[in-house]
Amino acid sequence: MKLLVLGHPYAVAYLQRKFVVIQQVGANVSLRLLVPRAVPHPFRTYPHEVHPQLTAEQVPALRSALWYSHMTYLLDPLALAQHLRTFAPDVIHIEEEPQAFVTVETLLLRRRYAPQAAVTLFTWDNLLRRRAFPLNTGKARLRAFSLRRTTAVICGNSEAARLLREEGRFTGPVTVLPQQGLDPVEHAAHPEPELRRALGLDASLCVGYAGRLIPEKGIRLLLLALGGLLHLPWKLLLVGSGPLEREIREDWMARYPGRIVQIPAVPHEQVPRYLRAMDIFVLASYRTPKWKEQFGLALAQAMMVGRPSVVSDSGAIPEVAGPGALVVPEGNVAELRHALQVLLTSAALRDLLGQRAREFALSRYAMTAVAAGYCQVFAQAQELHRRQAVRTGAVERREPPEKVLVQ
């Protein structure tokens, strides 16, 4: 199978590992991964990288423009058309939303330069928020255009799959899979005594969070909840960057002297070490009119390293957390404080939930299992596209619609 992939996250070599493993578990998968030369991000610009187990030919960098957001950027159309024509993919996999400009661009070019290719999309969208005119009309038309030309869709959470079905624009196969898989070796559950000592955590119970430091991730709620537990020997480890950094340094560290350790965002490959330095992981996200939690990768990583969690019931979080977490209502500081107190005062419960979390993560988020799931979708899409091509124009030979399975 010749697999051509587009998606701005894969400018980062660490995230390209998914396709390294897809080549290992798939049957004769030949890969072409098209990425922008650079991906702007609020915290930094990510330059084009190539994973050590891939080649520059497999991961070419294309010029891009219109980087107002990941929804508006476009790739160099001449270069994209050239790759579609010369690589001649069997499957084109697009890891951008259906209404993203680059998705529409790719599908327009595919019609001329790679009509033989089945198309699969990955979507996170578990909100499908309504926009005012004329953006609502533009978004609806772009989504409809893309979904009509897509063979199969992978959704990052079950709610996204439900909303996609209710929207009524896509009737083909839908599968629920994580966007990223995790390496169980990299996410081993051993302790990190040296790192804890270096961070000043060795004599404390460490409550932790890793990710963007933004209000909707529940950072303030966590800090307020911990304020009612000052009689317990906790310290808070925050790993990440964002607009709340200054507030944490100038306000919250003064309120809780000696209790908070804040580390700026670390490279992807270092995140498991900091998660292992924690005793309890917290993800207290709450929804806003424009956003709600779509997965929570750091939560899955914390589970894989065997850490118990306290999480809110916002968005996809309970689905991701499974049996390895205490779940509290989003925005409820009192319930969050109570759950933290229960875990801080019970080593036995921390051990039990940590064990359950790792077992659940190994069954759901291990890289080989996730890669195998993607390969199954690609093979299904390729066969379905072939059958649709054979039936084209044969009105009298219409067959029953494809049975749809949401996993």
Protein backbone atom coordinates (compact mmCIF):
# COMPACT_ATOMS: atom_id res chain seq x y z
CA MET A 1 0.00 0.00 0.00
CA LYS A 2 1.28 3.45 -0.94
CA LEU A 3 0.23 5.81 1.85
CA LEU A 4 0.45 9.58 1.48
CA VAL A 5 -0.14 11.56 4.69
CA LEU A 6 -0.70 15.28 5.32
CA GLY A 7 -0.80 16.89 8.74
CA HIS A 8 0.99 19.82 10.33
CA PRO A 9 1.79 18.01 13.64
CA TYR A 10 4.13 15.69 11.76
CA ALA A 11 6.70 18.36 11.12
CA VAL A 12 7.95 17.13 14.53
CA ALA A 13 10.14 14.01 14.31
CA TYR A 14 8.90 12.62 17.64
CA LEU A 15 5.31 12.47 16.34
CA GLN A 16 6.38 10.82 13.09
CA ARG A 17 6.99 7.64 15.10
CA LYS A 18 3.38 6.65 14.51
CA PHE A 19 4.12 6.17 10.83
CA VAL A 20 7.38 4.38 11.55
CA VAL A 21 5.34 1.80 13.47
CA ILE A 22 2.59 1.76 10.82
CA GLN A 23 5.26 0.71 8.32
CA GLN A 24 6.35 -2.03 10.73
CA VAL A 25 2.89 -3.48 11.42
CA GLY A 26 1.30 -2.77 8.02
CA ALA A 27 1.55 -5.02 5.00
CA ASN A 28 4.13 -3.48 2.63
CA VAL A 29 3.30 0.14 3.48
CA SER A 30 5.24 2.67 1.42
CA LEU A 31 5.11 6.09 3.11
CA ARG A 32 5.15 9.69 1.90
CA LEU A 33 4.56 12.20 4.74
CA LEU A 34 4.04 15.77 3.51
CA VAL A 35 4.55 18.51 6.12
CA PRO A 36 5.06 22.30 6.14
CA ARG A 37 8.61 23.62 6.30
CA ALA A 38 7.77 25.26 9.63
CA VAL A 39 4.72 25.23 11.91
CA PRO A 40 4.02 28.40 13.92
CA HIS A 41 2.86 27.83 17.50
CA PRO A 42 2.05 30.28 20.31
CA PHE A 43 5.10 29.09 22.27
CA ARG A 44 7.58 28.46 19.44
CA THR A 45 7.90 27.70 15.73
CA TYR A 46 8.48 24.03 14.98
CA PRO A 47 10.90 23.51 12.08
CA HIS A 48 10.76 20.58 9.70
CA GLU A 49 12.41 17.46 11.16
CA VAL A 50 12.88 13.89 9.97
CA HIS A 51 12.68 10.90 12.29
CA PRO A 52 15.92 8.83 12.35
CA GLN A 53 14.05 5.81 10.97
CA LEU A 54 12.63 7.77 8.05
CA THR A 55 14.31 9.52 5.13
CA ALA A 56 14.13 13.05 3.76
CA GLU A 57 12.48 11.60 0.66
CA GLN A 58 9.74 10.08 2.83
CA VAL A 59 9.18 13.32 4.78
CA PRO A 60 9.56 16.21 2.33
CA ALA A 61 8.89 19.75 3.56
CA LEU A 62 6.63 21.91 1.43
CA ARG A 63 6.30 25.67 1.43
CA SER A 64 3.14 26.90 3.13
CA ALA A 65 1.19 30.13 3.47
CA LEU A 66 -1.81 31.73 5.22
CA TRP A 67 -0.75 30.65 8.72
CA TYR A 68 -3.50 32.50 10.57
CA SER A 69 -4.20 29.15 12.21
CA HIS A 70 -3.87 25.46 11.41
CA MET A 71 -7.33 25.75 9.80
CA THR A 72 -6.26 28.32 7.20
CA TYR A 73 -2.82 27.29 5.97
CA LEU A 74 -2.20 26.02 2.45
CA LEU A 75 0.69 24.02 0.99
CA ASP A 76 2.49 24.87 -2.23
CA PRO A 77 -0.06 23.54 -4.76
CA LEU A 78 2.51 22.79 -7.46
CA ALA A 79 4.64 20.71 -5.08
CA LEU A 80 1.58 18.98 -3.63
CA ALA A 81 0.28 18.12 -7.08
CA GLN A 82 3.70 16.77 -8.06
CA HIS A 83 3.79 14.43 -5.05
CA LEU A 84 0.27 13.21 -5.75
CA ARG A 85 1.12 12.49 -9.37
CA THR A 86 4.53 10.88 -8.95
CA PHE A 87 3.93 8.95 -5.73
CA ALA A 88 0.50 7.74 -6.97
CA PRO A 89 -0.86 6.83 -3.53
CA ASP A 90 -3.42 4.12 -2.84
CA VAL A 91 -4.59 6.01 0.26
CA ILE A 92 -4.38 9.70 1.13
CA HIS A 93 -4.68 10.24 4.87
CA ILE A 94 -5.34 13.83 6.00
CA GLU A 95 -4.92 14.70 9.67
CA GLU A 96 -6.64 18.07 9.49
CA GLU A 97 -10.29 18.97 10.06
CA PRO A 98 -12.65 18.58 7.06
CA GLN A 99 -13.14 22.35 6.82
CA ALA A 100 -9.42 23.15 6.93
CA PHE A 101 -8.16 24.90 3.82
CA VAL A 102 -5.36 22.36 3.28
CA THR A 103 -7.90 19.51 3.36
CA VAL A 104 -9.96 21.13 0.61
CA GLU A 105 -6.81 21.96 -1.35
CA THR A 106 -5.63 18.35 -1.21
CA LEU A 107 -9.00 16.97 -2.30
CA LEU A 108 -9.22 19.38 -5.23
CA LEU A 109 -5.78 18.30 -6.45
CA ARG A 110 -6.42 14.63 -5.73
CA ARG A 111 -9.39 14.64 -8.12
CA ARG A 112 -7.01 15.40 -11.02
CA TYR A 113 -3.68 13.92 -9.99
CA ALA A 114 -4.55 10.87 -7.82
CA PRO A 115 -8.16 9.80 -8.51
CA GLN A 116 -7.22 6.21 -7.76
CA ALA A 117 -6.57 7.04 -4.08
CA ALA A 118 -9.02 6.46 -1.26
CA VAL A 119 -9.21 9.34 1.23
CA THR A 120 -9.27 9.03 5.02
CA LEU A 121 -9.59 11.92 7.45
CA PHE A 122 -8.80 12.34 11.13
CA THR A 123 -10.98 14.72 13.14
CA TRP A 124 -11.03 15.83 16.78
CA ASP A 125 -14.12 18.04 16.54
CA ASN A 126 -16.39 17.22 19.51
CA LEU A 127 -18.01 20.66 19.60
CA LEU A 128 -19.04 21.62 16.04
CA ARG A 129 -19.72 25.12 17.33
CA ARG A 130 -22.04 27.42 15.44
CA ARG A 131 -20.46 30.43 13.78
CA ALA A 132 -22.13 33.64 12.71
CA PHE A 133 -22.83 34.39 9.05
CA PRO A 134 -20.93 34.26 6.73
CA LEU A 135 -18.43 31.99 8.53
CA ASN A 136 -21.15 29.45 9.30
CA THR A 137 -22.01 29.07 5.61
CA GLY A 138 -18.35 28.87 4.59
CA LYS A 139 -17.55 26.23 7.22
CA ALA A 140 -20.61 24.15 6.30
CA ARG A 141 -19.76 24.18 2.59
CA LEU A 142 -16.11 23.29 3.15
CA ARG A 143 -17.07 20.40 5.48
CA ALA A 144 -19.66 19.12 3.03
CA PHE A 145 -17.20 19.29 0.13
CA SER A 146 -14.54 17.32 2.04
CA LEU A 147 -16.79 14.73 3.62
CA ARG A 148 -18.46 13.90 0.29
CA ARG A 149 -15.02 13.02 -1.08
CA THR A 150 -13.84 11.01 1.93
CA THR A 151 -13.97 7.22 2.11
CA ALA A 152 -13.46 6.72 5.87
CA VAL A 153 -13.10 8.92 8.95
CA ILE A 154 -11.09 8.38 12.12
CA CYS A 155 -12.36 10.34 15.13
CA GLY A 156 -10.21 11.11 18.16
CA ASN A 157 -13.08 10.58 20.60
CA SER A 158 -16.54 9.05 20.70
CA GLU A 159 -18.39 12.36 20.89
CA ALA A 160 -16.74 13.51 17.67
CA ALA A 161 -17.99 10.31 16.02
CA ARG A 162 -21.52 10.89 17.34
CA LEU A 163 -21.61 14.51 16.16
CA LEU A 164 -20.25 13.51 12.76
CA ARG A 165 -23.11 11.03 12.35
CA GLU A 166 -25.73 13.49 13.60
CA GLU A 167 -24.42 16.15 11.22
CA GLY A 168 -25.51 13.88 8.38
CA ARG A 169 -22.84 14.80 5.84
CA PHE A 170 -20.89 11.54 6.07
CA THR A 171 -22.30 8.01 5.95
CA GLY A 172 -19.16 5.93 5.42
CA PRO A 173 -17.11 3.95 7.97
CA VAL A 174 -16.21 5.77 11.20
CA THR A 175 -13.60 4.49 13.68
CA VAL A 176 -12.58 5.97 17.03
CA LEU A 177 -8.82 5.90 17.61
CA PRO A 178 -6.27 8.10 19.42
CA GLN A 179 -4.25 10.36 17.15
CA GLN A 180 -1.02 9.27 18.84
CA GLY A 181 0.13 5.99 20.33
CA LEU A 182 2.55 5.66 23.23
CA ASP A 183 5.71 3.57 23.56
CA PRO A 184 5.36 1.36 26.69
CA VAL A 185 9.14 1.21 27.11
CA GLU A 186 9.52 4.99 27.02
CA HIS A 187 6.54 5.19 29.38
CA ALA A 188 7.78 2.57 31.84
CA ALA A 189 6.39 2.87 35.36
CA HIS A 190 9.65 3.09 37.29
CA PRO A 191 10.30 5.93 39.80
CA GLU A 192 12.43 9.03 39.16
CA PRO A 193 14.25 9.63 42.48
CA GLU A 194 17.06 11.76 41.00
CA LEU A 195 14.66 14.06 39.15
CA ARG A 196 12.44 14.38 42.22
CA ARG A 197 15.49 15.27 44.31
CA ALA A 198 16.64 17.85 41.75
CA LEU A 199 13.17 19.44 41.76
CA GLY A 200 12.95 19.45 45.56
CA LEU A 201 10.09 16.93 45.61
CA ASP A 202 11.68 13.96 47.35
CA ALA A 203 10.11 14.58 50.79
CA SER A 204 6.65 15.50 49.49
CA LEU A 205 3.65 14.03 47.76
CA CYS A 206 3.77 15.51 44.27
CA VAL A 207 0.56 16.63 42.58
CA GLY A 208 1.28 17.42 38.95
CA TYR A 209 0.10 18.71 35.61
CA ALA A 210 1.79 18.81 32.19
CA GLY A 211 0.57 20.82 29.24
CA ARG A 212 -0.39 24.32 28.24
CA LEU A 213 -0.76 26.75 31.13
CA ILE A 214 -4.12 28.20 30.12
CA PRO A 215 -7.22 28.82 32.25
CA GLU A 216 -9.45 26.25 30.54
CA LYS A 217 -7.09 23.46 31.57
CA GLY A 218 -8.27 24.08 35.14
CA ILE A 219 -4.96 25.37 36.52
CA ARG A 220 -6.59 27.99 38.74
CA LEU A 221 -9.15 25.46 39.95
CA LEU A 222 -6.34 23.10 40.93
CA LEU A 223 -4.50 25.85 42.78
CA LEU A 224 -7.67 26.87 44.65
CA ALA A 225 -8.39 23.26 45.59
CA LEU A 226 -4.88 22.74 46.95
CA GLY A 227 -5.25 25.91 49.01
CA GLY A 228 -7.65 24.02 51.26
CA LEU A 229 -5.16 21.20 51.81
CA LEU A 230 -2.22 23.11 53.25
CA HIS A 231 -2.18 20.77 56.25
CA LEU A 232 -1.03 17.94 53.93
CA PRO A 233 2.59 17.61 52.67
CA TRP A 234 1.93 18.23 48.97
CA LYS A 235 3.95 20.05 46.36
CA LEU A 236 2.66 21.01 42.94
CA LEU A 237 4.73 20.37 39.80
CA LEU A 238 3.56 22.29 36.73
CA VAL A 239 5.31 21.38 33.46
CA GLY A 240 4.44 23.63 30.56
CA SER A 241 4.26 27.13 29.19
CA GLY A 242 1.48 29.57 28.54
CA PRO A 243 -0.22 32.81 29.54
CA LEU A 244 -0.62 31.77 33.20
CA GLU A 245 3.13 31.49 33.84
CA ARG A 246 3.51 35.02 35.17
CA GLU A 247 0.42 34.75 37.37
CA ILE A 248 1.74 31.51 38.85
CA ARG A 249 5.15 33.00 39.60
CA GLU A 250 3.97 36.33 40.98
CA ASP A 251 0.73 35.38 42.73
CA TRP A 252 0.32 31.69 43.49
CA MET A 253 3.92 31.02 44.50
CA ALA A 254 3.61 33.88 46.99
CA ARG A 255 0.38 32.40 48.35
CA TYR A 256 1.91 28.93 48.72
CA PRO A 257 5.60 29.57 49.43
CA GLY A 258 7.84 26.57 48.73
CA ARG A 259 4.95 24.49 47.43
CA ILE A 260 4.99 25.11 43.65
CA VAL A 261 7.62 24.05 41.11
CA GLN A 262 7.07 25.38 37.59
CA ILE A 263 9.11 24.01 34.67
CA PRO A 264 8.76 25.53 31.19
CA ALA A 265 7.62 23.26 28.37
CA VAL A 266 10.03 20.38 27.81
CA PRO A 267 10.68 18.35 24.60
CA HIS A 268 8.16 15.59 23.88
CA GLU A 269 10.60 12.82 24.74
CA GLN A 270 11.22 14.23 28.24
CA VAL A 271 7.58 14.41 29.30
CA PRO A 272 7.40 10.82 30.65
CA ARG A 273 10.25 11.54 33.11
CA TYR A 274 8.38 14.46 34.64
CA LEU A 275 5.15 12.48 34.79
CA ARG A 276 6.98 9.72 36.68
CA ALA A 277 8.15 12.34 39.18
CA MET A 278 4.50 12.94 40.12
CA ASP A 279 2.44 10.96 42.60
CA ILE A 280 -0.93 12.23 41.31
CA PHE A 281 -1.73 13.72 37.91
CA VAL A 282 -4.54 16.27 37.59
CA LEU A 283 -6.47 17.40 34.51
CA ALA A 284 -9.32 19.66 35.66
CA SER A 285 -10.29 21.11 32.27
CA TYR A 286 -13.60 22.87 31.73
CA ARG A 287 -15.43 23.69 28.53
CA THR A 288 -15.77 27.15 27.03
CA PRO A 289 -18.07 28.31 24.21
CA LYS A 290 -15.22 27.70 21.76
CA TRP A 291 -13.42 24.65 23.20
CA LYS A 292 -13.67 21.49 25.22
CA GLU A 293 -11.18 18.74 25.91
CA GLN A 294 -10.77 16.43 22.92
CA PHE A 295 -8.40 13.85 24.41
CA GLY A 296 -5.68 14.93 26.84
CA LEU A 297 -2.44 13.30 25.66
CA ALA A 298 -0.59 14.04 28.91
CA LEU A 299 -3.35 12.21 30.78
CA ALA A 300 -2.84 9.10 28.64
CA GLN A 301 0.91 9.40 29.22
CA ALA A 302 0.45 9.72 32.98
CA MET A 303 -1.73 6.61 32.91
CA MET A 304 0.88 4.71 30.91
CA VAL A 305 3.57 5.49 33.51
CA GLY A 306 1.22 4.17 36.20
CA ARG A 307 0.12 7.39 37.90
CA PRO A 308 -3.37 7.80 39.37
CA SER A 309 -5.30 10.84 38.24
CA VAL A 310 -7.94 13.27 39.35
CA VAL A 311 -9.85 14.53 36.31
CA SER A 312 -12.94 16.53 35.45
CA ASP A 313 -15.87 15.13 33.50
CA SER A 314 -15.32 17.63 30.68
CA GLY A 315 -15.32 16.56 27.05
CA ALA A 316 -13.46 13.35 26.26
CA ILE A 317 -11.56 13.17 29.57
CA PRO A 318 -13.63 10.42 31.28
CA GLU A 319 -13.46 8.31 28.11
CA VAL A 320 -9.66 8.61 28.05
CA ALA A 321 -9.18 8.11 31.79
CA GLY A 322 -11.13 4.88 32.14
CA PRO A 323 -10.82 3.18 35.55
CA GLY A 324 -7.54 4.79 36.62
CA ALA A 325 -8.89 8.13 37.84
CA LEU A 326 -11.23 9.86 40.24
CA VAL A 327 -13.68 11.91 38.17
CA VAL A 328 -15.19 15.16 39.49
CA PRO A 329 -17.67 17.63 37.97
CA GLU A 330 -15.95 20.27 35.85
CA GLY A 331 -15.53 23.61 37.58
CA ASN A 332 -16.29 22.20 41.05
CA VAL A 333 -13.42 23.21 43.36
CA ALA A 334 -14.90 21.52 46.43
CA GLU A 335 -15.18 18.13 44.69
CA LEU A 336 -11.71 18.52 43.22
CA ARG A 337 -10.30 19.27 46.69
CA HIS A 338 -12.07 16.25 48.18
CA ALA A 339 -10.73 13.89 45.49
CA LEU A 340 -7.20 15.22 46.00
CA GLN A 341 -7.49 14.75 49.74
CA VAL A 342 -8.65 11.16 49.30
CA LEU A 343 -5.65 10.32 47.12
CA LEU A 344 -3.12 12.30 49.16
CA THR A 345 -4.11 10.40 52.30
CA SER A 346 -4.30 6.88 50.82
CA ALA A 347 -1.18 5.25 49.41
CA ALA A 348 -3.18 2.06 48.82
CA LEU A 349 -5.70 3.86 46.62
CA ARG A 350 -2.92 5.62 44.71
CA ASP A 351 -1.29 2.26 44.01
CA LEU A 352 -4.57 0.63 42.96
CA LEU A 353 -5.60 3.42 40.60
CA GLY A 354 -2.08 3.67 39.19
CA GLN A 355 -2.09 -0.04 38.37
CA ARG A 356 -5.52 0.21 36.74
CA ALA A 357 -4.43 3.26 34.78
CA ARG A 358 -1.37 1.54 33.32
CA GLU A 359 -3.30 -1.60 32.39
CA PHE A 360 -5.97 0.49 30.66
CA ALA A 361 -3.38 2.61 28.84
CA LEU A 362 -1.47 -0.45 27.65
CA SER A 363 -4.67 -1.89 26.20
CA ARG A 364 -5.84 1.34 24.51
CA TYR A 365 -2.85 3.59 23.79
CA ALA A 366 0.15 1.35 23.08
CA MET A 367 1.78 2.45 19.82
CA THR A 368 1.57 -0.93 18.06
CA ALA A 369 -2.16 -1.28 18.83
CA VAL A 370 -2.92 2.24 17.61
CA ALA A 371 -0.84 1.72 14.44
CA ALA A 372 -2.61 -1.56 13.73
CA GLY A 373 -5.94 0.23 14.06
CA TYR A 374 -4.88 2.83 11.49
CA CYS A 375 -3.67 0.13 9.11
CA GLN A 376 -7.03 -1.58 9.35
CA VAL A 377 -8.84 1.65 8.47
CA PHE A 378 -6.52 2.29 5.51
CA ALA A 379 -7.01 -1.23 4.14
CA GLN A 380 -10.79 -0.97 4.58
CA ALA A 381 -10.85 2.40 2.81
CA GLN A 382 -8.72 1.14 -0.07
CA GLU A 383 -11.03 -1.83 -0.64
CA LEU A 384 -14.18 0.25 -0.31
CA HIS A 385 -12.85 2.84 -2.76
CA ARG A 386 -11.96 0.09 -5.23
CA ARG A 387 -15.46 -1.36 -5.02
CA GLN A 388 -17.06 2.06 -5.44
CA ALA A 389 -14.93 2.68 -8.52
CA VAL A 390 -16.06 -0.62 -10.03
CA ARG A 391 -19.72 0.26 -9.39
CA THR A 392 -19.46 3.77 -10.85
CA GLY A 393 -22.14 4.19 -13.51
CA ALA A 394 -23.69 0.77 -12.95
CA VAL A 395 -27.04 2.00 -11.64
CA GLU A 396 -28.78 -1.34 -12.08
CA ARG A 397 -26.14 -3.05 -9.88
CA ARG A 398 -26.56 -0.95 -6.75
CA GLU A 399 -25.53 -2.77 -3.60
CA PRO A 400 -26.66 -2.28 0.01
CA PRO A 401 -24.82 0.49 1.83
CA GLU A 402 -21.65 -0.42 3.65
CA LYS A 403 -22.25 -1.52 7.23
CA VAL A 404 -20.86 1.12 9.56
CA LEU A 405 -19.03 0.20 12.75
CA VAL A 406 -18.11 2.78 15.36
CA GLN A 407 -15.49 1.32 17.66
